[in-house]
Amino acid sequence: MSNITIGRYQAPGGCAGFSGWIEGADETGQRWITYIDVEGRPAMHFPRREPDGAVIGNPILLQPVPNGA
């Protein structure tokens, strides 16, 4: 099992609608990240990341998008 990191943005109200993140790696070493909404719930997950931390592809939405946007 890999270690995970949980972080929180310092800016009041979070960053771009997110209060923090959970990140880690799967058994193959592929890094992933899940962003947490301002109410503390997982909001979107990116299963793949570049070595520099950039996300790859579209997120997996873990909640409905507000107002159907």
C-alpha atoms as a PDB file:
ATOM      1  CA  MET A   1       0.000   0.000   0.000  1.00  0.00           C
ATOM      2  CA  SER A   2       1.276   3.462  -0.906  1.00  0.00           C
ATOM      3  CA  ASN A   3       1.297   6.530   1.279  1.00  0.00           C
ATOM      4  CA  ILE A   4      -1.168   9.296   0.560  1.00  0.00           C
ATOM      5  CA  THR A   5      -0.937  13.015   1.245  1.00  0.00           C
ATOM      6  CA  ILE A   6      -3.861  15.173   2.321  1.00  0.00           C
ATOM      7  CA  GLY A   7      -3.482  18.936   1.944  1.00  0.00           C
ATOM      8  CA  ARG A   8      -5.540  22.047   2.491  1.00  0.00           C
ATOM      9  CA  TYR A   9      -5.297  25.334   0.611  1.00  0.00           C
ATOM     10  CA  GLN A  10      -4.368  28.294   2.804  1.00  0.00           C
ATOM     11  CA  ALA A  11      -6.492  30.861   0.946  1.00  0.00           C
ATOM     12  CA  PRO A  12      -9.806  31.688   2.669  1.00  0.00           C
ATOM     13  CA  GLY A  13     -12.548  29.742   0.911  1.00  0.00           C
ATOM     14  CA  GLY A  14     -10.028  27.499  -0.814  1.00  0.00           C
ATOM     15  CA  CYS A  15      -8.694  27.691  -4.347  1.00  0.00           C
ATOM     16  CA  ALA A  16     -10.984  27.627  -7.401  1.00  0.00           C
ATOM     17  CA  GLY A  17     -13.818  26.177  -5.304  1.00  0.00           C
ATOM     18  CA  PHE A  18     -11.697  23.487  -3.646  1.00  0.00           C
ATOM     19  CA  SER A  19     -10.559  23.422  -0.031  1.00  0.00           C
ATOM     20  CA  GLY A  20      -7.868  20.791  -0.480  1.00  0.00           C
ATOM     21  CA  TRP A  21      -6.693  17.581  -2.079  1.00  0.00           C
ATOM     22  CA  ILE A  22      -5.734  13.952  -1.511  1.00  0.00           C
ATOM     23  CA  GLU A  23      -2.892  12.558  -3.602  1.00  0.00           C
ATOM     24  CA  GLY A  24      -1.024   9.312  -3.863  1.00  0.00           C
ATOM     25  CA  ALA A  25       0.110   6.584  -6.233  1.00  0.00           C
ATOM     26  CA  ASP A  26      -1.307   3.236  -7.267  1.00  0.00           C
ATOM     27  CA  GLU A  27       0.558  -0.090  -7.124  1.00  0.00           C
ATOM     28  CA  THR A  28       2.258   0.663 -10.464  1.00  0.00           C
ATOM     29  CA  GLY A  29       3.577   4.020  -9.248  1.00  0.00           C
ATOM     30  CA  GLN A  30       1.109   6.044 -11.343  1.00  0.00           C
ATOM     31  CA  ARG A  31       0.294   9.217  -9.389  1.00  0.00           C
ATOM     32  CA  TRP A  32      -3.304  10.432  -8.873  1.00  0.00           C
ATOM     33  CA  ILE A  33      -5.090  13.347  -7.172  1.00  0.00           C
ATOM     34  CA  THR A  34      -8.598  13.956  -5.825  1.00  0.00           C
ATOM     35  CA  TYR A  35      -9.782  17.510  -5.138  1.00  0.00           C
ATOM     36  CA  ILE A  36     -11.953  18.217  -2.081  1.00  0.00           C
ATOM     37  CA  ASP A  37     -14.797  20.755  -2.178  1.00  0.00           C
ATOM     38  CA  VAL A  38     -15.244  23.547   0.374  1.00  0.00           C
ATOM     39  CA  GLU A  39     -17.578  21.314   2.398  1.00  0.00           C
ATOM     40  CA  GLY A  40     -14.896  18.620   2.731  1.00  0.00           C
ATOM     41  CA  ARG A  41     -16.292  16.132   0.200  1.00  0.00           C
ATOM     42  CA  PRO A  42     -14.324  14.560  -2.665  1.00  0.00           C
ATOM     43  CA  ALA A  43     -15.368  16.475  -5.801  1.00  0.00           C
ATOM     44  CA  MET A  44     -13.227  15.290  -8.713  1.00  0.00           C
ATOM     45  CA  HIS A  45     -10.567  12.687  -9.290  1.00  0.00           C
ATOM     46  CA  PHE A  46      -7.722  12.637 -11.812  1.00  0.00           C
ATOM     47  CA  PRO A  47      -6.336   9.073 -11.995  1.00  0.00           C
ATOM     48  CA  ARG A  48      -3.200  10.097 -13.933  1.00  0.00           C
ATOM     49  CA  ARG A  49      -0.581  12.814 -13.477  1.00  0.00           C
ATOM     50  CA  GLU A  50       2.593  13.905 -15.230  1.00  0.00           C
ATOM     51  CA  PRO A  51       5.924  13.666 -13.363  1.00  0.00           C
ATOM     52  CA  ASP A  52       5.717  17.445 -12.721  1.00  0.00           C
ATOM     53  CA  GLY A  53       2.281  17.020 -11.086  1.00  0.00           C
ATOM     54  CA  ALA A  54       0.126  18.247 -13.981  1.00  0.00           C
ATOM     55  CA  VAL A  55      -3.115  16.305 -14.372  1.00  0.00           C
ATOM     56  CA  ILE A  56      -3.738  14.209 -17.491  1.00  0.00           C
ATOM     57  CA  GLY A  57      -7.118  14.049 -19.207  1.00  0.00           C
ATOM     58  CA  ASN A  58     -10.586  14.841 -17.942  1.00  0.00           C
ATOM     59  CA  PRO A  59     -11.580  14.411 -14.297  1.00  0.00           C
ATOM     60  CA  ILE A  60     -13.917  11.787 -12.938  1.00  0.00           C
ATOM     61  CA  LEU A  61     -16.678  13.855 -11.296  1.00  0.00           C
ATOM     62  CA  LEU A  62     -17.589  12.499  -7.868  1.00  0.00           C
ATOM     63  CA  GLN A  63     -20.553  14.844  -7.321  1.00  0.00           C
ATOM     64  CA  PRO A  64     -23.195  16.386  -9.557  1.00  0.00           C
ATOM     65  CA  VAL A  65     -22.118  19.645 -11.160  1.00  0.00           C
ATOM     66  CA  PRO A  66     -24.012  22.566  -9.496  1.00  0.00           C
ATOM     67  CA  ASN A  67     -26.895  23.945 -11.613  1.00  0.00           C
ATOM     68  CA  GLY A  68     -26.243  21.321 -14.290  1.00  0.00           C
ATOM     69  CA  ALA A  69     -23.384  23.408 -15.709  1.00  0.00           C
END
